[in-house]
Amino acid sequence: MNQSGQIVGCPTCRRPTSWQDNPHRPFCSERCRLVDLEGWLTGRYIVPGALEEDAIAPAERDPADEPTQP
């Protein structure tokens, strides 16, 4: 689908914005793009799914969760 002339709603503020010649698309502005990025970086947005133990970096692991050695 060619979206060159399409008007879309900004995912952050819902303001109508042009798809064509918009360097921030699908957002209407750099501000809305950065607001969305902040949501991902702070954990406000998440992708649901199981977290595998091996995917957690050692520095992020809680020592209280580690098994104790006898």
Protein backbone atom coordinates (compact mmCIF):
# COMPACT_ATOMS: atom_id res chain seq x y z
CA MET A 1 0.00 0.00 0.00
CA ASN A 2 1.38 3.41 -0.96
CA GLN A 3 1.11 5.75 2.01
CA SER A 4 2.69 8.78 0.32
CA GLY A 5 -0.41 11.00 0.45
CA GLN A 6 -2.03 9.49 3.49
CA ILE A 7 -2.92 11.40 6.65
CA VAL A 8 -2.31 9.35 9.78
CA GLY A 9 -2.90 9.93 13.46
CA CYS A 10 0.20 10.49 15.59
CA PRO A 11 0.51 7.50 17.98
CA THR A 12 1.41 9.83 20.86
CA CYS A 13 -0.92 12.84 20.60
CA ARG A 14 -3.40 11.56 17.97
CA ARG A 15 -3.03 14.77 15.93
CA PRO A 16 -3.48 14.19 12.18
CA THR A 17 -0.16 14.32 10.35
CA SER A 18 1.02 13.72 6.81
CA TRP A 19 2.94 10.56 6.03
CA GLN A 20 4.69 12.12 3.02
CA ASP A 21 7.80 14.24 3.64
CA ASN A 22 7.50 13.73 7.40
CA PRO A 23 10.91 12.87 8.90
CA HIS A 24 9.28 11.86 12.20
CA ARG A 25 6.62 9.54 10.80
CA PRO A 26 4.50 7.99 12.11
CA PHE A 27 4.79 10.73 14.74
CA CYS A 28 3.88 14.36 14.06
CA SER A 29 7.02 15.83 15.63
CA GLU A 30 10.34 15.05 17.25
CA ARG A 31 8.75 15.73 20.64
CA CYS A 32 6.11 13.03 20.16
CA ARG A 33 8.79 10.63 18.90
CA LEU A 34 10.89 11.26 22.02
CA VAL A 35 7.88 10.90 24.34
CA ASP A 36 7.27 7.47 22.80
CA LEU A 37 10.94 6.50 23.14
CA GLU A 38 10.89 7.52 26.80
CA GLY A 39 7.91 5.20 27.32
CA TRP A 40 9.92 2.25 26.06
CA LEU A 41 13.07 3.19 27.99
CA THR A 42 11.27 3.61 31.32
CA GLY A 43 9.25 0.40 31.01
CA ARG A 44 5.86 2.07 30.56
CA TYR A 45 5.52 0.04 27.35
CA ILE A 46 6.39 -3.64 27.39
CA VAL A 47 6.07 -6.54 25.01
CA PRO A 48 4.46 -9.43 26.88
CA GLY A 49 6.28 -12.71 26.96
CA ALA A 50 8.26 -15.02 29.16
CA LEU A 51 11.58 -13.68 30.37
CA GLU A 52 14.31 -16.27 30.10
CA GLU A 53 16.87 -16.32 32.91
CA ASP A 54 19.76 -16.42 30.42
CA ALA A 55 18.51 -13.20 28.80
CA ILE A 56 19.10 -11.21 32.00
CA ALA A 57 22.55 -9.65 32.19
CA PRO A 58 24.48 -10.62 35.36
CA ALA A 59 24.52 -6.99 36.55
CA GLU A 60 20.72 -6.89 36.39
CA ARG A 61 20.17 -10.04 38.42
CA ASP A 62 19.08 -9.72 42.03
CA PRO A 63 21.54 -11.59 44.29
CA ALA A 64 18.60 -12.52 46.54
CA ASP A 65 17.22 -14.66 43.70
CA GLU A 66 20.40 -16.71 43.35
CA PRO A 67 20.55 -20.11 45.08
CA THR A 68 22.86 -20.29 48.08
CA GLN A 69 25.76 -22.69 48.18
CA PRO A 70 25.94 -24.94 51.28
